[in-house]
PDB file of N, CA and C in Angstrom:
ATOM      1  N   MET A   1     124.129 127.302  -1.336  1.00  0.00           N
ATOM      2  CA  MET A   1     125.282 127.845  -0.655  1.00  0.00           C
ATOM      3  C   MET A   1     126.383 128.070  -1.692  1.00  0.00           C
ATOM      4  N   THR A   2     127.180 129.101  -1.494  1.00  0.00           N
ATOM      5  CA  THR A   2     128.299 129.382  -2.391  1.00  0.00           C
ATOM      6  C   THR A   2     129.610 128.987  -1.735  1.00  0.00           C
ATOM      7  N   LEU A   3     130.650 128.963  -2.549  1.00  0.00           N
ATOM      8  CA  LEU A   3     131.977 128.630  -2.018  1.00  0.00           C
ATOM      9  C   LEU A   3     132.420 129.656  -0.983  1.00  0.00           C
ATOM     10  N   ILE A   4     132.156 130.934  -1.212  1.00  0.00           N
ATOM     11  CA  ILE A   4     132.596 131.958  -0.254  1.00  0.00           C
ATOM     12  C   ILE A   4     131.812 131.846   1.051  1.00  0.00           C
ATOM     13  N   GLU A   5     130.571 131.371   0.977  1.00  0.00           N
ATOM     14  CA  GLU A   5     129.817 131.162   2.212  1.00  0.00           C
ATOM     15  C   GLU A   5     130.443 130.044   3.045  1.00  0.00           C
ATOM     16  N   LEU A   6     130.973 129.018   2.399  1.00  0.00           N
ATOM     17  CA  LEU A   6     131.704 127.977   3.131  1.00  0.00           C
ATOM     18  C   LEU A   6     132.939 128.565   3.804  1.00  0.00           C
ATOM     19  N   GLU A   7     133.615 129.466   3.113  1.00  0.00           N
ATOM     20  CA  GLU A   7     134.777 130.153   3.702  1.00  0.00           C
ATOM     21  C   GLU A   7     134.364 130.930   4.945  1.00  0.00           C
ATOM     22  N   PHE A   8     133.227 131.613   4.884  1.00  0.00           N
ATOM     23  CA  PHE A   8     132.751 132.375   6.043  1.00  0.00           C
ATOM     24  C   PHE A   8     132.459 131.452   7.225  1.00  0.00           C
ATOM     25  N   VAL A   9     131.906 130.275   6.959  1.00  0.00           N
ATOM     26  CA  VAL A   9     131.656 129.293   8.020  1.00  0.00           C
ATOM     27  C   VAL A   9     132.983 128.867   8.654  1.00  0.00           C
ATOM     28  N   ALA A  10     133.967 128.594   7.826  1.00  0.00           N
ATOM     29  CA  ALA A  10     135.286 128.188   8.333  1.00  0.00           C
ATOM     30  C   ALA A  10     135.919 129.311   9.147  1.00  0.00           C
ATOM     31  N   GLU A  11     135.849 130.520   8.651  1.00  0.00           N
ATOM     32  CA  GLU A  11     136.419 131.678   9.363  1.00  0.00           C
ATOM     33  C   GLU A  11     135.779 131.823  10.742  1.00  0.00           C
ATOM     34  N   HIS A  12     134.469 131.680  10.790  1.00  0.00           N
ATOM     35  CA  HIS A  12     133.752 131.784  12.070  1.00  0.00           C
ATOM     36  C   HIS A  12     134.215 130.680  13.029  1.00  0.00           C
ATOM     37  N   TYR A  13     134.310 129.452  12.536  1.00  0.00           N
ATOM     38  CA  TYR A  13     134.744 128.333  13.372  1.00  0.00           C
ATOM     39  C   TYR A  13     136.160 128.572  13.909  1.00  0.00           C
ATOM     40  N   ILE A  14     137.046 128.987  13.035  1.00  0.00           N
ATOM     41  CA  ILE A  14     138.437 129.227  13.422  1.00  0.00           C
ATOM     42  C   ILE A  14     138.513 130.302  14.499  1.00  0.00           C
ATOM     43  N   THR A  15     137.777 131.380  14.316  1.00  0.00           N
ATOM     44  CA  THR A  15     137.771 132.475  15.284  1.00  0.00           C
ATOM     45  C   THR A  15     137.174 132.027  16.612  1.00  0.00           C
ATOM     46  N   GLN A  16     136.036 131.348  16.558  1.00  0.00           N
ATOM     47  CA  GLN A  16     135.344 130.888  17.766  1.00  0.00           C
ATOM     48  C   GLN A  16     136.204 129.957  18.615  1.00  0.00           C
ATOM     49  N   HIS A  17     137.088 129.206  17.967  1.00  0.00           N
ATOM     50  CA  HIS A  17     137.914 128.221  18.685  1.00  0.00           C
ATOM     51  C   HIS A  17     139.344 128.705  18.917  1.00  0.00           C
ATOM     52  N   HIS A  18     139.545 130.001  18.726  1.00  0.00           N
ATOM     53  CA  HIS A  18     140.842 130.631  19.001  1.00  0.00           C
ATOM     54  C   HIS A  18     141.999 129.955  18.257  1.00  0.00           C
ATOM     55  N   LEU A  19     141.720 129.643  17.009  1.00  0.00           N
ATOM     56  CA  LEU A  19     142.719 129.044  16.132  1.00  0.00           C
ATOM     57  C   LEU A  19     143.168 130.094  15.127  1.00  0.00           C
ATOM     58  N   LYS A  20     144.138 129.725  14.311  1.00  0.00           N
ATOM     59  CA  LYS A  20     144.580 130.570  13.212  1.00  0.00           C
ATOM     60  C   LYS A  20     144.567 129.725  11.949  1.00  0.00           C
ATOM     61  N   GLY A  21     144.027 130.268  10.878  1.00  0.00           N
ATOM     62  CA  GLY A  21     144.027 129.544   9.617  1.00  0.00           C
ATOM     63  C   GLY A  21     145.450 129.396   9.100  1.00  0.00           C
ATOM     64  N   ALA A  22     145.831 128.196   8.727  1.00  0.00           N
ATOM     65  CA  ALA A  22     147.199 127.947   8.265  1.00  0.00           C
ATOM     66  C   ALA A  22     147.429 128.444   6.841  1.00  0.00           C
ATOM     67  N   PHE A  23     146.367 128.580   6.056  1.00  0.00           N
ATOM     68  CA  PHE A  23     146.531 128.961   4.649  1.00  0.00           C
ATOM     69  C   PHE A  23     146.393 130.464   4.433  1.00  0.00           C
ATOM     70  N   LYS A  24     145.459 131.091   5.153  1.00  0.00           N
ATOM     71  CA  LYS A  24     145.161 132.504   4.914  1.00  0.00           C
ATOM     72  C   LYS A  24     146.392 133.362   5.186  1.00  0.00           C
ATOM     73  N   GLY A  25     146.809 134.057   4.160  1.00  0.00           N
ATOM     74  CA  GLY A  25     147.986 134.911   4.270  1.00  0.00           C
ATOM     75  C   GLY A  25     149.288 134.222   3.920  1.00  0.00           C
ATOM     76  N   TYR A  26     149.277 132.890   3.835  1.00  0.00           N
ATOM     77  CA  TYR A  26     150.506 132.179   3.492  1.00  0.00           C
ATOM     78  C   TYR A  26     150.850 132.449   2.035  1.00  0.00           C
ATOM     79  N   ASP A  27     151.965 133.033   1.812  1.00  0.00           N
ATOM     80  CA  ASP A  27     152.440 133.351   0.459  1.00  0.00           C
ATOM     81  C   ASP A  27     151.360 134.085  -0.353  1.00  0.00           C
ATOM     82  N   GLY A  28     150.587 134.920   0.363  1.00  0.00           N
ATOM     83  CA  GLY A  28     149.563 135.729  -0.283  1.00  0.00           C
ATOM     84  C   GLY A  28     148.228 135.042  -0.506  1.00  0.00           C
ATOM     85  N   PHE A  29     148.074 133.792  -0.046  1.00  0.00           N
ATOM     86  CA  PHE A  29     146.792 133.096  -0.261  1.00  0.00           C
ATOM     87  C   PHE A  29     145.701 133.818   0.518  1.00  0.00           C
ATOM     88  N   PRO A  30     144.544 134.093  -0.110  1.00  0.00           N
ATOM     89  CA  PRO A  30     143.566 134.989   0.503  1.00  0.00           C
ATOM     90  C   PRO A  30     142.544 134.373   1.462  1.00  0.00           C
ATOM     91  N   THR A  31     142.470 133.042   1.552  1.00  0.00           N
ATOM     92  CA  THR A  31     141.393 132.437   2.338  1.00  0.00           C
ATOM     93  C   THR A  31     141.895 131.309   3.230  1.00  0.00           C
ATOM     94  N   ASN A  32     141.019 130.888   4.142  1.00  0.00           N
ATOM     95  CA  ASN A  32     141.329 129.768   5.036  1.00  0.00           C
ATOM     96  C   ASN A  32     141.181 128.418   4.355  1.00  0.00           C
ATOM     97  N   LEU A  33     140.250 128.343   3.413  1.00  0.00           N
ATOM     98  CA  LEU A  33     139.981 127.086   2.711  1.00  0.00           C
ATOM     99  C   LEU A  33     140.471 127.148   1.275  1.00  0.00           C
ATOM    100  N   CYS A  34     140.914 126.018   0.781  1.00  0.00           N
ATOM    101  CA  CYS A  34     141.079 125.807  -0.653  1.00  0.00           C
ATOM    102  C   CYS A  34     139.859 124.987  -1.052  1.00  0.00           C
ATOM    103  N   LEU A  35     139.037 125.545  -1.936  1.00  0.00           N
ATOM    104  CA  LEU A  35     137.833 124.860  -2.386  1.00  0.00           C
ATOM    105  C   LEU A  35     137.914 124.674  -3.889  1.00  0.00           C
ATOM    106  N   SER A  36     137.987 123.430  -4.305  1.00  0.00           N
ATOM    107  CA  SER A  36     138.157 123.106  -5.719  1.00  0.00           C
ATOM    108  C   SER A  36     136.927 122.368  -6.203  1.00  0.00           C
ATOM    109  N   LEU A  37     136.291 122.924  -7.215  1.00  0.00           N
ATOM    110  CA  LEU A  37     135.024 122.405  -7.685  1.00  0.00           C
ATOM    111  C   LEU A  37     135.200 121.699  -9.027  1.00  0.00           C
ATOM    112  N   ASN A  38     134.676 120.484  -9.110  1.00  0.00           N
ATOM    113  CA  ASN A  38     134.641 119.691 -10.342  1.00  0.00           C
ATOM    114  C   ASN A  38     136.024 119.537 -10.966  1.00  0.00           C
ATOM    115  N   ASP A  39     136.309 120.173 -12.112  1.00  0.00           N
ATOM    116  CA  ASP A  39     137.579 119.932 -12.799  1.00  0.00           C
ATOM    117  C   ASP A  39     138.742 120.771 -12.275  1.00  0.00           C
ATOM    118  N   CYS A  40     138.513 121.617 -11.287  1.00  0.00           N
ATOM    119  CA  CYS A  40     139.625 122.324 -10.628  1.00  0.00           C
ATOM    120  C   CYS A  40     140.284 121.316  -9.681  1.00  0.00           C
ATOM    121  N   ALA A  41     141.562 121.008  -9.916  1.00  0.00           N
ATOM    122  CA  ALA A  41     142.221 119.926  -9.176  1.00  0.00           C
ATOM    123  C   ALA A  41     142.483 120.280  -7.714  1.00  0.00           C
ATOM    124  N   VAL A  42     143.190 121.377  -7.460  1.00  0.00           N
ATOM    125  CA  VAL A  42     143.540 121.752  -6.087  1.00  0.00           C
ATOM    126  C   VAL A  42     143.692 123.262  -5.977  1.00  0.00           C
ATOM    127  N   HIS A  43     143.683 123.722  -4.731  1.00  0.00           N
ATOM    128  CA  HIS A  43     144.004 125.100  -4.366  1.00  0.00           C
ATOM    129  C   HIS A  43     143.090 126.152  -4.997  1.00  0.00           C
ATOM    130  N   GLY A  44     141.824 125.789  -5.175  1.00  0.00           N
ATOM    131  CA  GLY A  44     140.853 126.755  -5.659  1.00  0.00           C
ATOM    132  C   GLY A  44     140.548 127.800  -4.594  1.00  0.00           C
ATOM    133  N   ILE A  45     140.312 129.012  -5.019  1.00  0.00           N
ATOM    134  CA  ILE A  45     140.002 130.115  -4.112  1.00  0.00           C
ATOM    135  C   ILE A  45     138.485 130.294  -4.076  1.00  0.00           C
ATOM    136  N   PRO A  46     137.888 130.274  -2.875  1.00  0.00           N
ATOM    137  CA  PRO A  46     136.439 130.433  -2.764  1.00  0.00           C
ATOM    138  C   PRO A  46     135.953 131.736  -3.399  1.00  0.00           C
ATOM    139  N   ASP A  47     134.832 131.625  -4.115  1.00  0.00           N
ATOM    140  CA  ASP A  47     134.209 132.792  -4.732  1.00  0.00           C
ATOM    141  C   ASP A  47     132.698 132.639  -4.615  1.00  0.00           C
ATOM    142  N   ASP A  48     131.957 133.376  -5.410  1.00  0.00           N
ATOM    143  CA  ASP A  48     130.498 133.347  -5.298  1.00  0.00           C
ATOM    144  C   ASP A  48     129.842 132.261  -6.149  1.00  0.00           C
ATOM    145  N   THR A  49     130.604 131.256  -6.554  1.00  0.00           N
ATOM    146  CA  THR A  49     130.052 130.137  -7.310  1.00  0.00           C
ATOM    147  C   THR A  49     129.126 129.314  -6.413  1.00  0.00           C
ATOM    148  N   PRO A  50     127.878 129.120  -6.839  1.00  0.00           N
ATOM    149  CA  PRO A  50     126.966 128.304  -6.024  1.00  0.00           C
ATOM    150  C   PRO A  50     127.243 126.819  -6.205  1.00  0.00           C
ATOM    151  N   LEU A  51     127.080 126.067  -5.125  1.00  0.00           N
ATOM    152  CA  LEU A  51     127.188 124.613  -5.195  1.00  0.00           C
ATOM    153  C   LEU A  51     125.902 124.060  -5.786  1.00  0.00           C
ATOM    154  N   LYS A  52     126.065 123.057  -6.648  1.00  0.00           N
ATOM    155  CA  LYS A  52     124.919 122.430  -7.289  1.00  0.00           C
ATOM    156  C   LYS A  52     124.927 120.929  -7.001  1.00  0.00           C
ATOM    157  N   ASN A  53     123.756 120.363  -7.011  1.00  0.00           N
ATOM    158  CA  ASN A  53     123.617 118.930  -6.842  1.00  0.00           C
ATOM    159  C   ASN A  53     124.499 118.214  -7.876  1.00  0.00           C
ATOM    160  N   GLY A  54     125.326 117.284  -7.405  1.00  0.00           N
ATOM    161  CA  GLY A  54     126.207 116.524  -8.287  1.00  0.00           C
ATOM    162  C   GLY A  54     127.609 117.078  -8.406  1.00  0.00           C
ATOM    163  N   ASP A  55     127.849 118.288  -7.884  1.00  0.00           N
ATOM    164  CA  ASP A  55     129.206 118.843  -7.935  1.00  0.00           C
ATOM    165  C   ASP A  55     130.172 117.990  -7.117  1.00  0.00           C
ATOM    166  N   LEU A  56     131.396 117.881  -7.608  1.00  0.00           N
ATOM    167  CA  LEU A  56     132.492 117.254  -6.870  1.00  0.00           C
ATOM    168  C   LEU A  56     133.279 118.379  -6.210  1.00  0.00           C
ATOM    169  N   LEU A  57     133.250 118.427  -4.890  1.00  0.00           N
ATOM    170  CA  LEU A  57     133.908 119.489  -4.131  1.00  0.00           C
ATOM    171  C   LEU A  57     135.072 118.918  -3.343  1.00  0.00           C
ATOM    172  N   LYS A  58     136.252 119.503  -3.563  1.00  0.00           N
ATOM    173  CA  LYS A  58     137.432 119.144  -2.790  1.00  0.00           C
ATOM    174  C   LYS A  58     137.674 120.271  -1.781  1.00  0.00           C
ATOM    175  N   ILE A  59     137.748 119.911  -0.492  1.00  0.00           N
ATOM    176  CA  ILE A  59     137.935 120.866   0.591  1.00  0.00           C
ATOM    177  C   ILE A  59     139.289 120.605   1.230  1.00  0.00           C
ATOM    178  N   ASP A  60     140.123 121.620   1.247  1.00  0.00           N
ATOM    179  CA  ASP A  60     141.449 121.535   1.856  1.00  0.00           C
ATOM    180  C   ASP A  60     141.500 122.612   2.934  1.00  0.00           C
ATOM    181  N   ALA A  61     141.818 122.208   4.160  1.00  0.00           N
ATOM    182  CA  ALA A  61     141.828 123.142   5.279  1.00  0.00           C
ATOM    183  C   ALA A  61     143.012 122.872   6.191  1.00  0.00           C
ATOM    184  N   GLY A  62     143.495 123.920   6.809  1.00  0.00           N
ATOM    185  CA  GLY A  62     144.568 123.779   7.779  1.00  0.00           C
ATOM    186  C   GLY A  62     144.429 124.834   8.851  1.00  0.00           C
ATOM    187  N   VAL A  63     144.793 124.469  10.071  1.00  0.00           N
ATOM    188  CA  VAL A  63     144.788 125.427  11.170  1.00  0.00           C
ATOM    189  C   VAL A  63     146.093 125.327  11.952  1.00  0.00           C
ATOM    190  N   ILE A  64     146.354 126.392  12.671  1.00  0.00           N
ATOM    191  CA  ILE A  64     147.503 126.430  13.573  1.00  0.00           C
ATOM    192  C   ILE A  64     146.949 126.482  14.993  1.00  0.00           C
ATOM    193  N   TYR A  65     147.394 125.574  15.811  1.00  0.00           N
ATOM    194  CA  TYR A  65     147.033 125.555  17.231  1.00  0.00           C
ATOM    195  C   TYR A  65     148.320 125.483  18.028  1.00  0.00           C
ATOM    196  N   GLU A  66     148.516 126.483  18.877  1.00  0.00           N
ATOM    197  CA  GLU A  66     149.774 126.649  19.586  1.00  0.00           C
ATOM    198  C   GLU A  66     150.894 126.644  18.548  1.00  0.00           C
ATOM    199  N   LYS A  67     151.773 125.674  18.544  1.00  0.00           N
ATOM    200  CA  LYS A  67     152.849 125.644  17.552  1.00  0.00           C
ATOM    201  C   LYS A  67     152.652 124.529  16.521  1.00  0.00           C
ATOM    202  N   GLY A  68     151.483 123.908  16.538  1.00  0.00           N
ATOM    203  CA  GLY A  68     151.225 122.802  15.629  1.00  0.00           C
ATOM    204  C   GLY A  68     150.398 123.226  14.429  1.00  0.00           C
ATOM    205  N   TYR A  69     150.756 122.700  13.285  1.00  0.00           N
ATOM    206  CA  TYR A  69     150.052 122.961  12.026  1.00  0.00           C
ATOM    207  C   TYR A  69     149.307 121.704  11.600  1.00  0.00           C
ATOM    208  N   SER A  70     148.089 121.890  11.125  1.00  0.00           N
ATOM    209  CA  SER A  70     147.347 120.769  10.554  1.00  0.00           C
ATOM    210  C   SER A  70     147.054 121.079   9.094  1.00  0.00           C
ATOM    211  N   ASP A  71     146.830 120.052   8.340  1.00  0.00           N
ATOM    212  CA  ASP A  71     146.451 120.188   6.937  1.00  0.00           C
ATOM    213  C   ASP A  71     145.706 118.921   6.568  1.00  0.00           C
ATOM    214  N   SER A  72     144.473 119.089   6.123  1.00  0.00           N
ATOM    215  CA  SER A  72     143.710 117.909   5.728  1.00  0.00           C
ATOM    216  C   SER A  72     142.818 118.258   4.553  1.00  0.00           C
ATOM    217  N   ALA A  73     142.401 117.228   3.858  1.00  0.00           N
ATOM    218  CA  ALA A  73     141.546 117.429   2.691  1.00  0.00           C
ATOM    219  C   ALA A  73     140.537 116.294   2.595  1.00  0.00           C
ATOM    220  N   ILE A  74     139.415 116.626   1.987  1.00  0.00           N
ATOM    221  CA  ILE A  74     138.367 115.641   1.755  1.00  0.00           C
ATOM    222  C   ILE A  74     137.653 116.014   0.460  1.00  0.00           C
ATOM    223  N   SER A  75     137.143 115.016  -0.218  1.00  0.00           N
ATOM    224  CA  SER A  75     136.329 115.235  -1.412  1.00  0.00           C
ATOM    225  C   SER A  75     134.929 114.730  -1.131  1.00  0.00           C
ATOM    226  N   VAL A  76     133.921 115.485  -1.570  1.00  0.00           N
ATOM    227  CA  VAL A  76     132.531 115.105  -1.360  1.00  0.00           C
ATOM    228  C   VAL A  76     131.733 115.372  -2.626  1.00  0.00           C
ATOM    229  N   VAL A  77     130.676 114.606  -2.791  1.00  0.00           N
ATOM    230  CA  VAL A  77     129.726 114.850  -3.873  1.00  0.00           C
ATOM    231  C   VAL A  77     128.532 115.573  -3.257  1.00  0.00           C
ATOM    232  N   ILE A  78     128.246 116.767  -3.752  1.00  0.00           N
ATOM    233  CA  ILE A  78     127.106 117.522  -3.259  1.00  0.00           C
ATOM    234  C   ILE A  78     125.829 116.774  -3.651  1.00  0.00           C
ATOM    235  N   GLY A  79     125.025 116.449  -2.653  1.00  0.00           N
ATOM    236  CA  GLY A  79     123.796 115.694  -2.904  1.00  0.00           C
ATOM    237  C   GLY A  79     123.952 114.199  -2.720  1.00  0.00           C
ATOM    238  N   GLY A  80     125.183 113.734  -2.465  1.00  0.00           N
ATOM    239  CA  GLY A  80     125.391 112.314  -2.203  1.00  0.00           C
ATOM    240  C   GLY A  80     125.719 111.490  -3.432  1.00  0.00           C
ATOM    241  N   GLU A  81     125.947 110.224  -3.187  1.00  0.00           N
ATOM    242  CA  GLU A  81     126.419 109.276  -4.203  1.00  0.00           C
ATOM    243  C   GLU A  81     125.561 109.271  -5.456  1.00  0.00           C
ATOM    244  N   MET A  82     124.256 109.266  -5.307  1.00  0.00           N
ATOM    245  CA  MET A  82     123.374 109.139  -6.461  1.00  0.00           C
ATOM    246  C   MET A  82     123.342 110.411  -7.312  1.00  0.00           C
ATOM    247  N   ALA A  83     123.781 111.532  -6.760  1.00  0.00           N
ATOM    248  CA  ALA A  83     123.792 112.786  -7.517  1.00  0.00           C
ATOM    249  C   ALA A  83     124.888 112.801  -8.582  1.00  0.00           C
ATOM    250  N   ASN A  84     125.951 112.013  -8.370  1.00  0.00           N
ATOM    251  CA  ASN A  84     127.044 111.928  -9.338  1.00  0.00           C
ATOM    252  C   ASN A  84     127.805 110.625  -9.090  1.00  0.00           C
ATOM    253  N   PRO A  85     127.281 109.503  -9.562  1.00  0.00           N
ATOM    254  CA  PRO A  85     127.910 108.205  -9.294  1.00  0.00           C
ATOM    255  C   PRO A  85     129.366 108.120  -9.759  1.00  0.00           C
ATOM    256  N   LEU A  86     129.704 108.749 -10.863  1.00  0.00           N
ATOM    257  CA  LEU A  86     131.080 108.682 -11.359  1.00  0.00           C
ATOM    258  C   LEU A  86     132.050 109.387 -10.403  1.00  0.00           C
ATOM    259  N   ALA A  87     131.663 110.560  -9.923  1.00  0.00           N
ATOM    260  CA  ALA A  87     132.510 111.271  -8.960  1.00  0.00           C
ATOM    261  C   ALA A  87     132.620 110.482  -7.659  1.00  0.00           C
ATOM    262  N   TYR A  88     131.524 109.885  -7.229  1.00  0.00           N
ATOM    263  CA  TYR A  88     131.550 109.084  -6.015  1.00  0.00           C
ATOM    264  C   TYR A  88     132.476 107.880  -6.181  1.00  0.00           C
ATOM    265  N   GLN A  89     132.450 107.260  -7.358  1.00  0.00           N
ATOM    266  CA  GLN A  89     133.345 106.135  -7.632  1.00  0.00           C
ATOM    267  C   GLN A  89     134.803 106.585  -7.581  1.00  0.00           C
ATOM    268  N   LEU A  90     135.101 107.774  -8.115  1.00  0.00           N
ATOM    269  CA  LEU A  90     136.459 108.318  -8.053  1.00  0.00           C
ATOM    270  C   LEU A  90     136.911 108.474  -6.609  1.00  0.00           C
ATOM    271  N   ILE A  91     136.047 109.043  -5.777  1.00  0.00           N
ATOM    272  CA  ILE A  91     136.382 109.227  -4.354  1.00  0.00           C
ATOM    273  C   ILE A  91     136.613 107.875  -3.688  1.00  0.00           C
ATOM    274  N   SER A  92     135.714 106.927  -3.906  1.00  0.00           N
ATOM    275  CA  SER A  92     135.820 105.607  -3.272  1.00  0.00           C
ATOM    276  C   SER A  92     137.074 104.865  -3.708  1.00  0.00           C
ATOM    277  N   THR A  93     137.359 104.896  -4.997  1.00  0.00           N
ATOM    278  CA  THR A  93     138.536 104.193  -5.515  1.00  0.00           C
ATOM    279  C   THR A  93     139.825 104.846  -5.015  1.00  0.00           C
ATOM    280  N   THR A  94     139.843 106.159  -4.965  1.00  0.00           N
ATOM    281  CA  THR A  94     141.022 106.865  -4.461  1.00  0.00           C
ATOM    282  C   THR A  94     141.272 106.515  -3.003  1.00  0.00           C
ATOM    283  N   LYS A  95     140.202 106.456  -2.202  1.00  0.00           N
ATOM    284  CA  LYS A  95     140.343 106.093  -0.783  1.00  0.00           C
ATOM    285  C   LYS A  95     140.856 104.668  -0.654  1.00  0.00           C
ATOM    286  N   GLU A  96     140.336 103.761  -1.449  1.00  0.00           N
ATOM    287  CA  GLU A  96     140.813 102.377  -1.424  1.00  0.00           C
ATOM    288  C   GLU A  96     142.294 102.316  -1.792  1.00  0.00           C
ATOM    289  N   ALA A  97     142.704 103.071  -2.814  1.00  0.00           N
ATOM    290  CA  ALA A  97     144.109 103.080  -3.231  1.00  0.00           C
ATOM    291  C   ALA A  97     144.996 103.602  -2.112  1.00  0.00           C
ATOM    292  N   LEU A  98     144.559 104.668  -1.453  1.00  0.00           N
ATOM    293  CA  LEU A  98     145.330 105.213  -0.327  1.00  0.00           C
ATOM    294  C   LEU A  98     145.468 104.180   0.783  1.00  0.00           C
ATOM    295  N   ASP A  99     144.343 103.591   1.195  1.00  0.00           N
ATOM    296  CA  ASP A  99     144.367 102.613   2.293  1.00  0.00           C
ATOM    297  C   ASP A  99     145.244 101.409   1.964  1.00  0.00           C
ATOM    298  N   ARG A 100     145.104 100.869   0.768  1.00  0.00           N
ATOM    299  CA  ARG A 100     145.901  99.701   0.389  1.00  0.00           C
ATOM    300  C   ARG A 100     147.375 100.072   0.237  1.00  0.00           C
ATOM    301  N   GLY A 101     147.633 101.270  -0.266  1.00  0.00           N
ATOM    302  CA  GLY A 101     149.017 101.728  -0.371  1.00  0.00           C
ATOM    303  C   GLY A 101     149.671 101.879   0.988  1.00  0.00           C
ATOM    304  N   ILE A 102     148.941 102.459   1.938  1.00  0.00           N
ATOM    305  CA  ILE A 102     149.479 102.644   3.295  1.00  0.00           C
ATOM    306  C   ILE A 102     149.852 101.305   3.921  1.00  0.00           C
ATOM    307  N   GLU A 103     149.076 100.283   3.638  1.00  0.00           N
ATOM    308  CA  GLU A 103     149.368  98.947   4.180  1.00  0.00           C
ATOM    309  C   GLU A 103     150.736  98.430   3.743  1.00  0.00           C
ATOM    310  N   THR A 104     151.283  98.939   2.655  1.00  0.00           N
ATOM    311  CA  THR A 104     152.571  98.450   2.145  1.00  0.00           C
ATOM    312  C   THR A 104     153.767  99.172   2.751  1.00  0.00           C
ATOM    313  N   ILE A 105     153.523 100.259   3.452  1.00  0.00           N
ATOM    314  CA  ILE A 105     154.638 101.084   3.952  1.00  0.00           C
ATOM    315  C   ILE A 105     155.318 100.404   5.133  1.00  0.00           C
ATOM    316  N   GLU A 106     156.639 100.303   5.047  1.00  0.00           N
ATOM    317  CA  GLU A 106     157.459  99.716   6.097  1.00  0.00           C
ATOM    318  C   GLU A 106     158.587 100.692   6.428  1.00  0.00           C
ATOM    319  N   PRO A 107     158.968 100.772   7.700  1.00  0.00           N
ATOM    320  CA  PRO A 107     160.079 101.660   8.068  1.00  0.00           C
ATOM    321  C   PRO A 107     161.356 101.307   7.304  1.00  0.00           C
ATOM    322  N   HIS A 108     162.056 102.310   6.867  1.00  0.00           N
ATOM    323  CA  HIS A 108     163.370 102.160   6.216  1.00  0.00           C
ATOM    324  C   HIS A 108     163.315 101.365   4.915  1.00  0.00           C
ATOM    325  N   GLN A 109     162.147 101.334   4.284  1.00  0.00           N
ATOM    326  CA  GLN A 109     162.007 100.611   3.027  1.00  0.00           C
ATOM    327  C   GLN A 109     161.630 101.593   1.918  1.00  0.00           C
ATOM    328  N   PRO A 110     161.941 101.268   0.679  1.00  0.00           N
ATOM    329  CA  PRO A 110     161.573 102.142  -0.441  1.00  0.00           C
ATOM    330  C   PRO A 110     160.052 102.309  -0.544  1.00  0.00           C
ATOM    331  N   MET A 111     159.631 103.395  -1.154  1.00  0.00           N
ATOM    332  CA  MET A 111     158.210 103.692  -1.323  1.00  0.00           C
ATOM    333  C   MET A 111     157.636 103.070  -2.602  1.00  0.00           C
ATOM    334  N   PHE A 112     158.447 102.362  -3.365  1.00  0.00           N
ATOM    335  CA  PHE A 112     157.960 101.770  -4.609  1.00  0.00           C
ATOM    336  C   PHE A 112     156.703 100.922  -4.407  1.00  0.00           C
ATOM    337  N   PRO A 113     156.645 100.046  -3.392  1.00  0.00           N
ATOM    338  CA  PRO A 113     155.430  99.237  -3.232  1.00  0.00           C
ATOM    339  C   PRO A 113     154.171 100.094  -3.032  1.00  0.00           C
ATOM    340  N   TYR A 114     154.312 101.202  -2.343  1.00  0.00           N
ATOM    341  CA  TYR A 114     153.172 102.100  -2.154  1.00  0.00           C
ATOM    342  C   TYR A 114     152.683 102.622  -3.510  1.00  0.00           C
ATOM    343  N   GLY A 115     153.588 103.186  -4.276  1.00  0.00           N
ATOM    344  CA  GLY A 115     153.226 103.748  -5.571  1.00  0.00           C
ATOM    345  C   GLY A 115     152.645 102.705  -6.510  1.00  0.00           C
ATOM    346  N   LYS A 116     153.241 101.531  -6.514  1.00  0.00           N
ATOM    347  CA  LYS A 116     152.767 100.447  -7.380  1.00  0.00           C
ATOM    348  C   LYS A 116     151.362  99.998  -6.969  1.00  0.00           C
ATOM    349  N   THR A 117     151.130  99.898  -5.676  1.00  0.00           N
ATOM    350  CA  THR A 117     149.808  99.497  -5.187  1.00  0.00           C
ATOM    351  C   THR A 117     148.750 100.532  -5.565  1.00  0.00           C
ATOM    352  N   VAL A 118     149.047 101.797  -5.372  1.00  0.00           N
ATOM    353  CA  VAL A 118     148.104 102.862  -5.732  1.00  0.00           C
ATOM    354  C   VAL A 118     147.809 102.801  -7.233  1.00  0.00           C
ATOM    355  N   GLU A 119     148.854 102.660  -8.028  1.00  0.00           N
ATOM    356  CA  GLU A 119     148.669 102.589  -9.485  1.00  0.00           C
ATOM    357  C   GLU A 119     147.791 101.392  -9.866  1.00  0.00           C
ATOM    358  N   THR A 120     148.047 100.248  -9.259  1.00  0.00           N
ATOM    359  CA  THR A 120     147.284  99.044  -9.578  1.00  0.00           C
ATOM    360  C   THR A 120     145.805  99.215  -9.217  1.00  0.00           C
ATOM    361  N   VAL A 121     145.535  99.731  -8.046  1.00  0.00           N
ATOM    362  CA  VAL A 121     144.143  99.919  -7.646  1.00  0.00           C
ATOM    363  C   VAL A 121     143.444 100.877  -8.605  1.00  0.00           C
ATOM    364  N   MET A 122     144.104 101.990  -8.932  1.00  0.00           N
ATOM    365  CA  MET A 122     143.464 103.000  -9.775  1.00  0.00           C
ATOM    366  C   MET A 122     143.270 102.508 -11.216  1.00  0.00           C
ATOM    367  N   THR A 123     144.211 101.785 -11.760  1.00  0.00           N
ATOM    368  CA  THR A 123     144.087 101.342 -13.147  1.00  0.00           C
ATOM    369  C   THR A 123     143.141 100.152 -13.294  1.00  0.00           C
ATOM    370  N   ASN A 124     142.924  99.400 -12.222  1.00  0.00           N
ATOM    371  CA  ASN A 124     142.017  98.263 -12.286  1.00  0.00           C
ATOM    372  C   ASN A 124     140.595  98.598 -11.857  1.00  0.00           C
ATOM    373  N   ALA A 125     140.350  99.850 -11.536  1.00  0.00           N
ATOM    374  CA  ALA A 125     138.997 100.246 -11.062  1.00  0.00           C
ATOM    375  C   ALA A 125     138.002 100.259 -12.197  1.00  0.00           C
TER     376      ALA A 125
END
């Protein structure tokens, strides 16, 4: 499967469910998905690049429903954990850092504990 084929799947889903893609057309962005492969950090534009076993794929998607906007992202290793253990470790450690950081957030308090917790988890991995 190629990155643009994933875009076509997303376009079909969005159309079938009477949604609107939040990214497509925003400030000239051409697609519904941001697909970033391996060393591309964020906001990659889908093209005819084929996915390969072991690739680290970051998927960023957003839709508009009525007046509400969504935006979410996920990272996956094509072929699963054993196809690229280092990328899988990055995903797992990042998720742990996010979860532990969120636990520190308190209303009306500085965000320093969040940032410090994320940094500690990532540097001690």
